Structure formats: C-alpha cells, structure tokens
C-alpha cells in the first residue's frame, strides 16, 4: 500500500490525500457489505451507544491515515519507513502503562537500534522536509494510540474484529468527507485532474484503495487475536521490502553514506526486534488453564512444607466387618418397610 500510494502521488502527481482517504473508506464499506451479504463476514447492527464508544478509535485512525498519506508527499519511502518504526517504542510504552506489559532487555536493545537509526538517517537526510517530518511524527503517535485502542475497545465492547472495523469506517466517512469539503478544494481539483480518465492511473488508485481495506482488516485481526505489539513487530518485517524497493523505484532518494547507514541500522533494529519477540513468545509457558505454583516463596515469607499421608490399607477383617454391618442395616431397613 505504501508503494502504491507513493506511485499515485509521485508518478501521477495526484496530490489529493484527503480524496484518496475518502475513497479508501467508501471502497472498504462496499467490500464489507458485499462480504456480509455472502455470509463471509459478520456485522452487528449499528448502535449509537457503541458508536460513541468507538469514536476515539475513528479519530486516531483518521489522523494516522491522513498524516501518513500526506507524509509520503514530502518524504522518500526509506525515510518514511525508518521514522514509522518509532511507533514500536510508543506501543511498548502504551502496553506498559495500560496493559502492564514490560519489554525484555533484548527488546529494548532492538528499540534503541531503531531509534538510533532514525536519528542518524534524519540528521543526514539530503531530502530534508520539515512538513514531512511533522506529518510522520503525527502518524507514528496516532498509529500507536490506534493499535492500543483496537485491543482495549475489542474487550470493552465485545464486538468482533469485522464489526469493529465496520463501525470505524462508517464513523470515519462523514468525518473525512466533511473535512475534505470544508478545508480543501480537492473535490473540485480532482474533477480537473488531467489524467483522471487514464486507465493505468485508475487501476493504481483502485488498488491503493482496495489495499487499504485489506490492510485494516489484517491490522484488526492481528491486534485482537495477538496484541498491538505483535502488529508492530510484523510491520518491521514488511519494511525490509518497502525500504529496499523504495530506494530504487521512484528515483527520489539522494544517496548519502551516513543516511544509508542510519536506514540500515533502523532496519536491523526492526529485524532483531521481530526475532527476539518471536523467540520470547516461543519460550513462554503454555497456558494450561491452571495457575502455576511459584518455585520459591516471595522474599521475607517463610517456606511451608505440606506433607501428604497416604491412607492406611484396611485389613481383611475390617472389610469383612464392614460387609456384615451393611448386611444387618439392609435387613433392618427391609423389616421396617414391611
């Protein structure tokens, strides 16, 4: 999606990010209604109370999409990717505050690598663009909040992944449309765009909008089934491809050795983070449904030893006596009934 969006803005000079975002929302809603009609997707009826609960998610989704799309107008794909990795640091902080999850030392080392790479790349960026840096910073913060809200609202509302995504798109459509109509002239300018009837342009624009639906569906699925951090980790692996291709496809990267070093350091930080996170997840004890007993008591608490004594084996005489007693009770009971 990043590459297709970049192609729409750079190759075709279609600099209307708000229109592109609105089109993505419309196509996503259409796709979801089609899938729901064929029973491939389950969408609950819209509730006003639930809509108000989901509204913060929509606000941060709108911020992350618009700022990300706008940042691509000013930044190269490698620079956009290296700064987007700061989202991982923000998600780690958010999970620590909201979900009481703490990163491992190896995870922190990887995050330091990513941040170091971003600082080096930014300091040596020959295509420096202040608006691009501001928009990508907004994109990183809003993406982190968006991912955390997906997990929190999924538990709070009880909605399925598809229903939560549908709510998000339905709420985002009036927000995005009103913003585009009141603050920009994009709708008028799109009608005057010289390549609006170009088939190849229409294909790129349609694929970009379609990929937005697929991307959001996967983000919701991954975040609710796994965790917000799992979504950012898998995103790091994606950056290997987008960074490599972005350096050569669009011709807007001005190579400078220190800038390339910064991009590579940030890329390796993302790879290490993904690897360490996967290793840690494999080493965690499986949830058996029972609480595990601690190996040792907490500091300052006395240790307690519990002895288990097996019951003594009954003798043959005891068993015989018990049988006789039961026989007598049975006879007396029958006599009383009679």
Protein backbone atom coordinates (compact mmCIF):
# COMPACT_ATOMS: atom_id res chain seq x y z
CA UNK A 1 0.00 0.00 0.00
CA UNK A 2 2.88 2.38 0.79
CA UNK A 3 4.39 1.78 -2.66
CA UNK A 4 1.08 2.18 -4.46
CA UNK A 5 0.29 5.39 -2.56
CA UNK A 6 3.74 6.72 -3.39
CA UNK A 7 3.17 5.88 -7.06
CA UNK A 8 -0.16 7.75 -7.04
CA UNK A 9 1.44 10.85 -5.50
CA UNK A 10 4.90 10.85 -7.13
CA UNK A 11 4.47 9.19 -10.53
CA UNK A 12 1.00 10.55 -11.34
CA UNK A 13 1.33 13.77 -9.28
CA UNK A 14 -2.11 13.14 -7.79
CA UNK A 15 -1.60 15.26 -4.65
CA UNK A 16 -5.02 14.85 -3.08
CA UNK A 17 -4.53 12.74 0.06
CA UNK A 18 -7.93 13.54 1.56
CA UNK A 19 -9.73 12.39 -1.56
CA UNK A 20 -7.66 9.18 -1.61
CA UNK A 21 -8.51 8.52 2.04
CA UNK A 22 -12.23 9.13 1.47
CA UNK A 23 -12.17 6.76 -1.49
CA UNK A 24 -10.45 4.12 0.66
CA UNK A 25 -13.21 4.39 3.28
CA UNK A 26 -16.01 4.12 0.69
CA UNK A 27 -14.47 1.08 -1.01
CA UNK A 28 -13.85 -0.58 2.38
CA UNK A 29 -17.53 -0.18 3.35
CA UNK A 30 -18.65 -1.56 -0.02
CA UNK A 31 -16.33 -4.56 0.31
CA UNK A 32 -17.57 -5.30 3.82
CA UNK A 33 -21.24 -5.12 2.79
CA UNK A 34 -20.55 -7.49 -0.12
CA UNK A 35 -18.76 -9.95 2.17
CA UNK A 36 -21.56 -9.67 4.73
CA UNK A 37 -24.14 -10.38 2.02
CA UNK A 38 -22.34 -13.63 1.16
CA UNK A 39 -22.12 -14.54 4.88
CA UNK A 40 -18.31 -14.33 4.79
CA UNK A 41 -18.31 -11.53 7.34
CA UNK A 42 -20.47 -10.87 10.39
CA UNK A 43 -21.53 -7.28 11.06
CA UNK A 44 -23.69 -6.37 14.05
CA UNK A 45 -26.38 -3.66 13.71
CA UNK A 46 -25.16 -0.13 14.41
CA UNK A 47 -25.81 1.08 17.99
CA UNK A 48 -25.48 4.74 18.96
CA UNK A 49 -24.02 3.87 22.36
CA UNK A 50 -21.40 1.59 20.81
CA UNK A 51 -20.68 4.17 18.11
CA UNK A 52 -19.84 6.80 20.72
CA UNK A 53 -17.53 4.31 22.44
CA UNK A 54 -15.74 3.54 19.17
CA UNK A 55 -15.48 7.22 18.11
CA UNK A 56 -11.99 7.81 19.66
CA UNK A 57 -10.70 4.91 17.57
CA UNK A 58 -12.04 6.58 14.44
CA UNK A 59 -10.42 9.92 15.31
CA UNK A 60 -6.96 8.39 15.71
CA UNK A 61 -7.44 6.20 12.63
CA UNK A 62 -8.27 9.31 10.63
CA UNK A 63 -5.19 11.08 12.00
CA UNK A 64 -2.89 8.15 11.24
CA UNK A 65 -4.17 7.64 7.68
CA UNK A 66 -4.23 11.31 6.64
CA UNK A 67 -0.86 12.13 8.23
CA UNK A 68 0.72 9.00 6.74
CA UNK A 69 -0.61 9.68 3.25
CA UNK A 70 0.43 13.35 3.48
CA UNK A 71 3.92 12.48 4.79
CA UNK A 72 4.54 10.37 1.67
CA UNK A 73 4.17 13.53 -0.42
CA UNK A 74 7.25 15.01 1.26
CA UNK A 75 9.41 12.02 2.29
CA UNK A 76 11.07 9.20 0.43
CA UNK A 77 9.82 5.67 1.17
CA UNK A 78 13.01 4.69 3.13
CA UNK A 79 12.80 7.81 5.30
CA UNK A 80 9.07 7.32 5.84
CA UNK A 81 9.66 3.71 6.90
CA UNK A 82 12.56 4.46 9.24
CA UNK A 83 10.58 7.11 11.13
CA UNK A 84 7.44 4.98 11.27
CA UNK A 85 9.45 2.46 13.31
CA UNK A 86 9.27 4.81 16.28
CA UNK A 87 5.70 3.56 16.58
CA UNK A 88 7.14 0.43 18.23
CA UNK A 89 8.63 2.47 21.07
CA UNK A 90 5.31 4.23 21.63
CA UNK A 91 3.36 0.95 21.60
CA UNK A 92 5.77 -0.57 24.14
CA UNK A 93 5.22 2.42 26.42
CA UNK A 94 1.46 2.22 25.95
CA UNK A 95 1.32 -1.50 26.70
CA UNK A 96 3.40 -0.92 29.82
CA UNK A 97 1.02 1.80 31.06
CA UNK A 98 -2.31 0.28 30.01
CA UNK A 99 -1.73 -3.48 29.87
CA UNK A 100 1.13 -3.83 32.40
CA UNK A 101 3.38 -5.48 29.82
CA UNK A 102 7.12 -4.90 30.13
CA UNK A 103 9.61 -5.39 27.27
CA UNK A 104 12.58 -7.69 27.60
CA UNK A 105 16.17 -6.32 27.69
CA UNK A 106 16.74 -7.67 24.19
CA UNK A 107 13.58 -5.94 23.01
CA UNK A 108 14.77 -2.64 24.49
CA UNK A 109 18.14 -3.08 22.76
CA UNK A 110 16.36 -3.52 19.43
CA UNK A 111 14.23 -0.42 20.05
CA UNK A 112 17.37 1.60 20.82
CA UNK A 113 18.81 0.42 17.48
CA UNK A 114 15.67 1.52 15.65
CA UNK A 115 15.64 4.95 17.29
CA UNK A 116 19.39 5.39 16.70
CA UNK A 117 18.94 4.53 13.03
CA UNK A 118 16.09 7.04 12.74
CA UNK A 119 18.19 9.80 14.36
CA UNK A 120 21.19 9.15 12.07
CA UNK A 121 19.00 8.93 8.97
CA UNK A 122 17.12 12.11 9.86
CA UNK A 123 20.29 14.09 10.62
CA UNK A 124 21.84 13.15 7.26
CA UNK A 125 18.72 13.27 5.06
CA UNK A 126 19.62 15.23 1.93
CA UNK A 127 15.92 15.46 1.01
CA UNK A 128 15.06 17.04 4.37
CA UNK A 129 11.46 18.22 4.59
CA UNK A 130 10.11 19.75 7.80
CA UNK A 131 6.42 19.22 6.86
CA UNK A 132 7.21 15.58 6.09
CA UNK A 133 8.85 15.12 9.50
CA UNK A 134 5.92 16.75 11.29
CA UNK A 135 3.35 14.59 9.48
CA UNK A 136 5.28 11.35 10.03
CA UNK A 137 5.59 12.19 13.76
CA UNK A 138 1.80 12.67 13.95
CA UNK A 139 1.42 9.41 12.02
CA UNK A 140 3.62 7.48 14.47
CA UNK A 141 1.81 8.76 17.59
CA UNK A 142 -1.69 8.29 16.19
CA UNK A 143 -0.83 4.79 14.88
CA UNK A 144 0.35 3.71 18.33
CA UNK A 145 -2.82 5.04 20.02
CA UNK A 146 -4.96 3.45 17.28
CA UNK A 147 -3.41 -0.01 17.81
CA UNK A 148 -3.82 0.20 21.58
CA UNK A 149 -7.44 1.33 21.24
CA UNK A 150 -8.25 -1.62 18.97
CA UNK A 151 -7.26 -4.03 21.73
CA UNK A 152 -8.95 -2.05 24.53
CA UNK A 153 -12.23 -1.44 22.66
CA UNK A 154 -12.42 -5.04 21.47
CA UNK A 155 -12.51 -6.15 25.11
CA UNK A 156 -14.79 -3.27 26.21
CA UNK A 157 -17.46 -3.51 23.50
CA UNK A 158 -17.36 -7.25 22.81
CA UNK A 159 -17.56 -6.56 19.07
CA UNK A 160 -15.97 -8.90 16.57
CA UNK A 161 -12.99 -7.73 14.52
CA UNK A 162 -15.13 -7.20 11.41
CA UNK A 163 -17.85 -5.33 13.33
CA UNK A 164 -15.30 -3.04 14.97
CA UNK A 165 -13.75 -2.33 11.55
CA UNK A 166 -17.19 -1.61 10.06
CA UNK A 167 -18.02 0.81 12.88
CA UNK A 168 -14.69 2.53 12.31
CA UNK A 169 -15.28 3.03 8.59
CA UNK A 170 -18.90 4.14 8.95
CA UNK A 171 -17.92 6.75 11.55
CA UNK A 172 -14.86 7.84 9.55
CA UNK A 173 -16.77 8.53 6.33
CA UNK A 174 -18.67 11.67 7.50
CA UNK A 175 -15.59 12.88 9.40
CA UNK A 176 -13.35 12.55 6.35
CA UNK A 177 -15.91 13.89 3.86
CA UNK A 178 -16.75 16.98 5.90
CA UNK A 179 -13.06 17.70 6.49
CA UNK A 180 -12.31 17.42 2.76
CA UNK A 181 -15.25 19.62 1.72
CA UNK A 182 -14.76 22.36 4.33
CA UNK A 183 -10.96 22.70 4.49
CA UNK A 184 -9.75 21.78 0.99
CA UNK A 185 -10.65 22.22 -2.68
CA UNK A 186 -9.67 18.65 -3.52
CA UNK A 187 -13.06 17.53 -4.87
CA UNK A 188 -13.05 20.35 -7.43
CA UNK A 189 -9.37 19.84 -8.29
CA UNK A 190 -9.82 16.07 -8.76
CA UNK A 191 -12.52 16.75 -11.37
CA UNK A 192 -9.98 18.92 -13.27
CA UNK A 193 -7.10 16.43 -12.90
CA UNK A 194 -5.78 15.83 -16.46
CA UNK A 195 -5.24 12.04 -16.05
CA UNK A 196 -8.50 11.31 -14.29
CA UNK A 197 -9.63 9.15 -17.26
CA UNK A 198 -6.28 7.39 -17.66
CA UNK A 199 -6.90 3.64 -17.24
CA UNK A 200 -3.48 2.93 -15.71
CA UNK A 201 -3.98 5.72 -13.14
CA UNK A 202 -7.45 4.45 -12.28
CA UNK A 203 -6.04 0.95 -11.73
CA UNK A 204 -3.33 2.27 -9.38
CA UNK A 205 -5.87 4.36 -7.46
CA UNK A 206 -8.32 1.47 -7.19
CA UNK A 207 -5.62 -0.94 -5.99
CA UNK A 208 -4.42 1.59 -3.44
CA UNK A 209 -7.94 1.96 -2.04
CA UNK A 210 -8.55 -1.80 -2.09
CA UNK A 211 -5.30 -2.50 -0.27
CA UNK A 212 -6.39 -0.06 2.45
CA UNK A 213 -9.35 -2.34 3.22
CA UNK A 214 -7.17 -5.46 3.27
CA UNK A 215 -4.56 -3.72 5.42
CA UNK A 216 -7.08 -2.56 8.02
CA UNK A 217 -8.76 -5.98 8.14
CA UNK A 218 -5.39 -7.62 8.81
CA UNK A 219 -4.44 -4.98 11.40
CA UNK A 220 -7.68 -5.53 13.34
CA UNK A 221 -7.34 -9.31 13.12
CA UNK A 222 -3.70 -9.40 14.19
CA UNK A 223 -4.16 -6.87 17.01
CA UNK A 224 -7.21 -8.53 18.57
CA UNK A 225 -6.01 -12.11 18.20
CA UNK A 226 -2.44 -11.36 19.27
CA UNK A 227 -1.53 -7.90 20.62
CA UNK A 228 -0.76 -4.33 19.47
CA UNK A 229 2.94 -5.14 19.78
CA UNK A 230 2.60 -8.19 17.52
CA UNK A 231 1.16 -5.95 14.81
CA UNK A 232 4.08 -3.52 15.00
CA UNK A 233 6.58 -6.41 15.00
CA UNK A 234 5.19 -7.88 11.79
CA UNK A 235 5.26 -4.37 10.33
CA UNK A 236 9.02 -4.27 10.87
CA UNK A 237 9.49 -7.23 8.53
CA UNK A 238 7.42 -5.50 5.87
CA UNK A 239 9.86 -2.58 5.97
CA UNK A 240 12.64 -4.78 4.56
CA UNK A 241 10.78 -4.95 1.26
CA UNK A 242 9.42 -1.40 1.15
CA UNK A 243 12.77 0.16 2.11
CA UNK A 244 14.70 -1.83 -0.49
CA UNK A 245 12.25 -1.18 -3.31
CA UNK A 246 11.68 2.45 -2.32
CA UNK A 247 15.39 3.23 -2.71
CA UNK A 248 15.33 2.48 -6.44
CA UNK A 249 11.78 2.58 -7.84
CA UNK A 250 10.84 6.27 -7.64
CA UNK A 251 14.23 7.92 -8.19
CA UNK A 252 13.76 10.46 -5.38
CA UNK A 253 16.39 9.02 -2.99
CA UNK A 254 19.66 11.00 -2.85
CA UNK A 255 22.23 8.55 -1.56
CA UNK A 256 24.50 9.72 1.23
CA UNK A 257 26.62 7.10 3.06
CA UNK A 258 25.63 8.14 6.59
CA UNK A 259 21.97 8.32 5.64
CA UNK A 260 22.12 4.79 4.21
CA UNK A 261 23.88 3.61 7.41
CA UNK A 262 21.07 5.13 9.51
CA UNK A 263 18.39 3.43 7.40
CA UNK A 264 20.22 0.08 7.63
CA UNK A 265 20.70 0.37 11.42
CA UNK A 266 16.99 1.09 11.87
CA UNK A 267 16.13 -1.82 9.57
CA UNK A 268 18.31 -4.23 11.54
CA UNK A 269 16.76 -2.95 14.76
CA UNK A 270 13.36 -3.93 13.39
CA UNK A 271 14.63 -7.36 12.32
CA UNK A 272 16.20 -8.01 15.73
CA UNK A 273 13.02 -6.89 17.47
CA UNK A 274 10.90 -9.28 15.41
CA UNK A 275 13.32 -12.15 16.01
CA UNK A 276 13.62 -11.59 19.76
CA UNK A 277 9.86 -11.15 20.16
CA UNK A 278 9.25 -14.42 18.33
CA UNK A 279 11.84 -16.24 20.47
CA UNK A 280 10.32 -14.86 23.67
CA UNK A 281 6.83 -15.92 22.61
CA UNK A 282 8.07 -19.46 21.95
CA UNK A 283 9.77 -19.69 25.35
CA UNK A 284 6.73 -18.57 27.39
CA UNK A 285 4.98 -21.40 29.25
CA UNK A 286 1.79 -22.51 27.61
CA UNK A 287 -1.42 -21.55 29.36
CA UNK A 288 -2.87 -24.77 30.79
CA UNK A 289 -5.83 -23.12 32.44
CA UNK A 290 -4.39 -23.57 35.95
CA UNK A 291 -2.34 -21.15 37.98
CA UNK A 292 1.29 -22.22 38.27
CA UNK A 293 2.72 -22.67 41.74
CA UNK A 294 5.75 -20.46 42.42
CA UNK A 295 9.09 -22.27 42.54
CA UNK A 296 10.02 -20.45 45.76
CA UNK A 297 8.18 -18.21 48.26
CA UNK A 298 8.37 -14.43 47.93
CA UNK A 299 11.25 -12.73 49.76
CA UNK A 300 10.60 -12.49 53.51
CA UNK A 301 7.89 -15.14 53.50
CA UNK A 302 8.50 -18.43 55.37
CA UNK A 303 8.57 -21.59 53.33
CA UNK A 304 5.81 -24.09 54.01
CA UNK A 305 6.12 -27.83 53.56
CA UNK A 306 2.94 -29.80 53.04
CA UNK A 307 3.11 -33.48 53.82
CA UNK A 308 0.72 -35.84 52.12
CA UNK A 309 -0.03 -39.04 54.07
CA UNK A 310 -1.43 -42.00 52.18
CA UNK A 311 -4.39 -43.67 53.87
CA UNK A 312 -3.57 -46.90 55.66
CA UNK A 313 -4.57 -50.10 53.95
CA UNK A 314 -7.57 -51.70 55.51
CA UNK A 315 -7.24 -55.18 56.79
CA UNK A 316 -9.29 -58.11 55.60
CA UNK A 317 -11.02 -58.28 58.99
CA UNK A 318 -12.11 -54.65 58.77
CA UNK A 319 -13.55 -55.20 55.30
CA UNK A 320 -15.38 -58.29 56.47
CA UNK A 321 -16.80 -56.47 59.50
CA UNK A 322 -17.93 -53.61 57.31
CA UNK A 323 -19.71 -56.03 54.99
CA UNK A 324 -21.51 -57.69 57.92
CA UNK A 325 -22.60 -54.31 59.31
CA UNK A 326 -24.00 -53.24 55.93
CA UNK A 327 -25.88 -56.55 55.66
CA UNK A 328 -27.52 -56.06 59.07
CA UNK A 329 -28.54 -52.48 58.22
CA UNK A 330 -30.10 -53.63 54.96
CA UNK A 331 -32.15 -56.35 56.75
CA UNK A 332 -33.39 -53.97 59.45
CA UNK A 333 -34.40 -51.42 56.81
CA UNK A 334 -36.42 -54.01 54.86
CA UNK A 335 -38.14 -55.15 58.08
CA UNK A 336 -39.17 -51.56 58.88
CA UNK A 337 -40.58 -51.07 55.41
CA UNK A 338 -42.55 -54.30 55.63
